[in-house]
Amino acid sequence: MDDDEDAREAVAAVLESCGAEVVAAAGAAGALESLQRARPDVIVSDISMPAMDGHQLIRCIRTLDAERGGKTPAAALTAYATSADRTRALLAGFQVYLAKPFDPSELVTLVAHLAGRPSA
């Protein structure tokens, strides 16, 4: 999820080109709604979003039962690229952190790894 439409479409296009089924959300509220309908294999979230940022979102998700998505592996994809930003994202509940601009092959590899599948 990402509040920026171009960024959201770029991430979706990269993952779909490798066979992933992507459900894109325009922000945290949309992501939480989507999570109620279906549990994804992996969550990819921007950190900087209005209303509820990615740190708040992942902390909210981590309070859910596993059946409702609380244990879903998650990747932070963000322009915040310092080591402190990485640490903050991991402490919030993300398993991996990838700085923008990202290398598409690295994104695919990370998502495949989180999903427990070999990368494309």
Protein backbone atom coordinates (compact mmCIF):
# COMPACT_ATOMS: atom_id res chain seq x y z
CA MET A 1 0.00 0.00 0.00
CA ASP A 2 1.07 3.50 -0.75
CA ASP A 3 -0.81 6.78 -0.81
CA ASP A 4 1.05 7.80 -3.98
CA GLU A 5 -0.75 6.32 -6.98
CA ASP A 6 2.33 6.20 -9.25
CA ALA A 7 4.41 4.44 -6.59
CA ARG A 8 1.58 2.00 -5.85
CA GLU A 9 1.20 1.18 -9.54
CA ALA A 10 4.96 0.73 -9.99
CA VAL A 11 5.21 -1.76 -7.11
CA ALA A 12 2.13 -3.63 -8.35
CA ALA A 13 3.51 -3.80 -11.90
CA VAL A 14 6.85 -5.19 -10.74
CA LEU A 15 5.23 -7.89 -8.61
CA GLU A 16 2.56 -8.78 -11.17
CA SER A 17 5.22 -9.16 -13.87
CA CYS A 18 6.57 -12.05 -11.79
CA GLY A 19 3.19 -13.70 -11.34
CA ALA A 20 2.11 -12.22 -8.03
CA GLU A 21 -1.54 -11.45 -7.41
CA VAL A 22 -1.58 -7.90 -6.06
CA VAL A 23 -4.29 -6.09 -4.14
CA ALA A 24 -3.25 -2.45 -3.92
CA ALA A 25 -4.59 -0.08 -1.28
CA ALA A 26 -4.40 3.70 -1.37
CA GLY A 27 -3.52 3.99 2.30
CA ALA A 28 -3.68 2.38 5.71
CA ALA A 29 -7.47 2.43 6.00
CA GLY A 30 -7.81 0.70 2.64
CA ALA A 31 -5.19 -1.85 3.64
CA LEU A 32 -7.05 -2.71 6.85
CA GLU A 33 -10.30 -3.08 4.88
CA SER A 34 -8.60 -5.39 2.38
CA LEU A 35 -7.16 -7.46 5.21
CA GLN A 36 -10.69 -8.08 6.51
CA ARG A 37 -11.72 -9.55 3.14
CA ALA A 38 -8.70 -11.72 2.39
CA ARG A 39 -5.37 -12.54 3.98
CA PRO A 40 -2.40 -11.81 1.72
CA ASP A 41 0.81 -13.84 1.69
CA VAL A 42 2.87 -10.65 2.14
CA ILE A 43 2.21 -7.00 2.96
CA VAL A 44 4.30 -4.31 1.27
CA SER A 45 3.77 -0.88 2.79
CA ASP A 46 5.10 2.62 2.44
CA ILE A 47 5.99 4.32 5.72
CA SER A 48 5.03 7.92 4.93
CA MET A 49 1.24 8.02 4.56
CA PRO A 50 -1.28 10.56 5.82
CA ALA A 51 -3.66 9.84 8.72
CA MET A 52 -1.96 6.56 9.69
CA ASP A 53 1.66 5.95 8.72
CA GLY A 54 3.21 2.59 7.98
CA HIS A 55 4.59 2.18 11.50
CA GLN A 56 1.12 2.68 13.00
CA LEU A 57 -0.42 0.40 10.39
CA ILE A 58 1.93 -2.52 11.03
CA ARG A 59 1.54 -2.15 14.80
CA CYS A 60 -2.25 -2.29 14.30
CA ILE A 61 -1.93 -5.38 12.08
CA ARG A 62 0.34 -7.09 14.62
CA THR A 63 -2.45 -6.85 17.24
CA LEU A 64 -4.72 -9.03 15.08
CA ASP A 65 -5.05 -12.79 15.51
CA ALA A 66 -3.00 -14.85 13.07
CA GLU A 67 -6.19 -15.94 11.25
CA ARG A 68 -7.00 -12.29 10.62
CA GLY A 69 -3.53 -11.45 9.27
CA GLY A 70 -1.64 -10.50 12.40
CA LYS A 71 1.32 -12.72 11.53
CA THR A 72 1.47 -11.82 7.82
CA PRO A 73 5.07 -11.12 6.76
CA ALA A 74 5.58 -7.47 5.88
CA ALA A 75 8.08 -5.32 4.01
CA ALA A 76 8.56 -1.59 4.52
CA LEU A 77 9.24 0.18 1.24
CA THR A 78 10.19 3.76 1.98
CA ALA A 79 12.19 6.85 1.09
CA TYR A 80 13.32 7.07 4.72
CA ALA A 81 16.72 5.48 4.26
CA THR A 82 18.83 5.97 7.36
CA SER A 83 19.88 3.17 9.67
CA ALA A 84 17.64 4.69 12.37
CA ASP A 85 14.68 4.57 9.95
CA ARG A 86 15.44 0.91 9.20
CA THR A 87 15.62 0.07 12.90
CA ARG A 88 12.36 1.90 13.59
CA ALA A 89 10.57 -0.01 10.80
CA LEU A 90 11.85 -3.37 12.03
CA LEU A 91 10.93 -2.58 15.64
CA ALA A 92 7.42 -1.57 14.53
CA GLY A 93 6.86 -5.08 13.13
CA PHE A 94 8.17 -5.22 9.56
CA GLN A 95 10.42 -8.18 8.71
CA VAL A 96 12.33 -6.41 5.95
CA TYR A 97 13.08 -2.86 4.89
CA LEU A 98 13.76 -1.62 1.38
CA ALA A 99 14.69 1.98 0.58
CA LYS A 100 13.28 3.85 -2.42
CA PRO A 101 14.20 4.06 -5.15
CA PHE A 102 14.21 0.28 -5.14
CA ASP A 103 15.76 -2.26 -7.47
CA PRO A 104 12.82 -4.23 -8.91
CA SER A 105 14.69 -7.54 -8.71
CA GLU A 106 15.48 -6.90 -5.05
CA LEU A 107 11.80 -6.19 -4.33
CA VAL A 108 10.77 -9.43 -6.05
CA THR A 109 13.40 -11.41 -4.15
CA LEU A 110 12.36 -9.96 -0.79
CA VAL A 111 8.65 -10.56 -1.37
CA ALA A 112 9.27 -14.10 -2.60
CA HIS A 113 11.43 -14.79 0.45
CA LEU A 114 8.75 -13.44 2.80
CA ALA A 115 6.15 -15.58 1.03
CA GLY A 116 8.35 -18.65 1.42
CA ARG A 117 8.73 -19.10 -2.32
CA PRO A 118 11.73 -19.11 -4.63
CA SER A 119 12.12 -15.77 -6.42
CA ALA A 120 11.19 -15.47 -10.08
